[in-house]
Protein backbone atom coordinates (compact mmCIF):
# COMPACT_ATOMS: atom_id res chain seq x y z
CA MET A 1 33.80 -6.39 7.26
CA GLN A 2 32.84 -2.80 7.94
CA ARG A 3 33.86 -1.77 11.48
CA TRP A 4 30.44 -0.26 12.20
CA ARG A 5 28.92 -3.75 12.08
CA LEU A 6 30.75 -4.65 15.28
CA ARG A 7 28.60 -2.06 17.11
CA ALA A 8 25.29 -3.27 15.65
CA ALA A 9 22.51 -4.05 18.11
CA CYS A 10 21.83 -7.34 16.31
CA ILE A 11 25.24 -8.76 17.25
CA GLY A 12 24.47 -11.70 19.50
CA ALA A 13 20.76 -11.77 18.59
CA ASP A 14 19.24 -14.93 17.12
CA PRO A 15 19.69 -14.52 13.35
CA GLU A 16 16.54 -16.58 12.71
CA MET A 17 14.32 -13.70 13.85
CA PHE A 18 15.65 -11.58 10.98
CA PHE A 19 14.89 -14.29 8.38
CA THR A 20 11.43 -15.57 9.17
CA ASN A 21 7.81 -15.20 8.13
CA ASP A 22 6.69 -15.15 11.78
CA ALA A 23 5.10 -11.75 12.46
CA ALA A 24 6.11 -11.66 16.14
CA ALA A 25 9.75 -12.42 15.31
CA LYS A 26 9.72 -9.73 12.61
CA ARG A 27 8.43 -7.17 15.12
CA GLU A 28 11.15 -8.19 17.57
CA ALA A 29 13.83 -7.88 14.88
CA LYS A 30 12.54 -4.47 13.83
CA GLY A 31 12.59 -3.40 17.49
CA ILE A 32 16.26 -4.34 17.73
CA CYS A 33 16.99 -2.34 14.59
CA LYS A 34 15.03 0.65 15.86
CA GLY A 35 17.36 1.11 18.82
CA CYS A 36 20.55 0.30 16.94
CA PRO A 37 23.39 2.84 17.19
CA VAL A 38 24.54 2.09 13.62
CA SER A 39 21.15 1.97 11.90
CA ARG A 40 22.11 4.72 9.45
CA GLN A 41 25.23 2.88 8.32
CA CYS A 42 23.26 -0.37 8.04
CA TYR A 43 20.55 1.35 6.00
CA ALA A 44 23.11 2.92 3.66
CA ALA A 45 24.91 -0.41 3.16
CA VAL A 46 21.80 -2.49 2.50
CA MET A 47 20.24 0.09 0.18
CA GLU A 48 23.49 0.34 -1.79
CA ALA A 49 23.44 -3.44 -2.21
CA GLU A 50 19.73 -3.41 -3.10
CA ARG A 51 20.24 -0.73 -5.74
CA ALA A 52 23.18 -2.65 -7.25
CA ASP A 53 21.01 -5.77 -7.42
CA ALA A 54 18.13 -3.76 -8.86
CA THR A 55 20.35 -2.51 -11.66
CA GLU A 56 21.32 -6.06 -12.57
CA ALA A 57 17.87 -7.68 -12.36
CA PRO A 58 15.04 -5.35 -11.30
CA GLU A 59 12.31 -7.96 -11.75
CA THR A 60 13.91 -10.36 -9.27
CA ASN A 61 15.47 -7.91 -6.82
CA ARG A 62 12.77 -8.29 -4.19
CA LYS A 63 13.25 -12.04 -4.06
CA ARG A 64 17.04 -11.96 -3.88
CA ARG A 65 17.62 -10.17 -0.58
CA TYR A 66 15.31 -11.72 2.01
CA GLY A 67 15.16 -10.70 5.65
CA ILE A 68 15.10 -7.70 7.95
CA PHE A 69 17.96 -5.27 7.40
CA ALA A 70 18.06 -1.77 8.91
CA GLY A 71 14.59 -2.41 10.30
CA LEU A 72 13.05 -2.95 6.86
CA THR A 73 11.68 -6.03 5.12
CA SER A 74 12.68 -6.82 1.55
CA HIS A 75 9.33 -5.44 0.36
CA GLU A 76 9.81 -2.18 2.30
CA ARG A 77 13.30 -1.75 0.84
CA TRP A 78 12.01 -2.54 -2.66
CA ALA A 79 9.28 0.07 -2.22
CA ARG A 80 11.90 2.71 -1.40
CA ILE A 81 13.89 1.90 -4.52
CA TYR A 82 10.82 1.70 -6.78
CA PRO A 83 8.22 4.01 -5.19
CA GLU A 84 6.08 4.28 -8.32
CA ALA A 85 6.02 0.51 -8.81
CA ALA A 86 5.16 -0.01 -5.15
CA LYS A 87 2.32 2.51 -5.41
CA LEU A 88 0.97 0.76 -8.49
CA GLN A 89 1.25 -2.62 -6.75
CA ARG A 90 -0.70 -1.30 -3.73
CA GLU A 91 -3.38 0.17 -5.99
CA ARG A 92 -3.74 -3.12 -7.87
CA GLY A 93 -3.94 -5.03 -4.59
CA ASN A 94 -6.57 -2.64 -3.23
CA ALA A 95 -8.61 -2.94 -6.43
CA LYS A 96 -8.40 -6.75 -6.30
CA ARG A 97 -9.49 -6.81 -2.64
CA LYS A 98 -12.44 -4.53 -3.49
CA ARG A 99 -13.46 -6.76 -6.41
CA ASN A 100 -13.24 -9.81 -4.16
CA ARG A 101 -15.35 -8.13 -1.47
CA ASP A 102 -17.93 -7.18 -4.07
CA LYS A 103 -18.04 -10.82 -5.24
CA GLY A 104 -18.28 -12.14 -1.69
CA VAL A 105 -14.74 -13.52 -1.70
CA ARG A 106 -12.73 -13.19 1.48
CA ASN A 107 -9.12 -14.28 1.90
CA ASP A 108 -9.30 -16.12 -1.43
CA LEU A 109 -12.22 -18.20 -0.17
CA ARG A 110 -15.72 -17.78 -1.52
CA VAL A 111 -18.24 -16.96 1.21
CA VAL A 112 -21.21 -19.24 0.76
CA PRO A 113 -24.38 -18.17 2.54
CA GLN A 114 -25.78 -20.96 4.68
CA SER A 115 -29.40 -21.79 4.29
CA GLY A 116 -31.19 -21.63 7.54
């Protein structure tokens, strides 16, 4: 274990908040990371691991390392490794949302006007 980890702000915190889909818990975890005295070392370590994984299997990298590390979600870390792919993914998502709005679709549900 790297010695810097012993000084991490997350030591003693509930690990579940770093590995959840709950938005409030994610914000709390990111807040802990934000004030961490070893955030730079944590960031360097997790990004080194992410890049190694990305070299082995880029298409599955985002799914392999789940959770908040160094104040970043897996998607945020992936976007830093593959900025062009992340930009393209955002553009595709924005275009899909615009098409759905134009069709009257919201949150994957079709809006049906009620007759009155």
